[in-house]
Amino acid sequence: MFGINPQIHKSFCFNEDQKKKWLEIYDTALIIKDQQEFFNRIKNKALEMNIDIIGDFVNYYDDSINDVTPFICSLLKGIRNSVFHKRKKYAYQQEYRFTMVNNKKSDNFEMNIGDISDISTILPLDKFLNVEIYPHE
């Protein structure tokens, strides 16, 4: 899930590299207008399903530099934090992820949080990629 970190960006515009890469894959954007409510619905459903879930922005590291210190520090906070690290070549994704303990050991997991039309909108991707976004915390 693409995310704009409000602690990094006071305003945000997609760069040309991001636009090109996104348009090669997708044609539509689902915009979450109420991030907190979206997260609450995910967390409440997880609680209802007795699933321990955490979410965070992905940290992108430069694998050409042999410095694993940030990665090791995050692992000291728990092995689950390893999923919040990706190589820098994927930084254009600006990913926000959720992770959980998967006791079923399956590759696919679905969580139905219900209708989100009250907190989201759908836009053609080419229109969304050309607007300036002002995220709020």
Foldseek 3Di string as FASTA:
>chain_A
DADDDLVVDQKDAQDPVLLVVCVVPDFKDKFFQDVVVVVVLVVVLCVVVVWDKDKDWADADAPVDPDCVVVVVQCVVPVQSNVSYDHPVCVSRRDMDMDIDDPVPDPDDDGDSDDRPVRIDMDTSVVVNGDMGRDDD
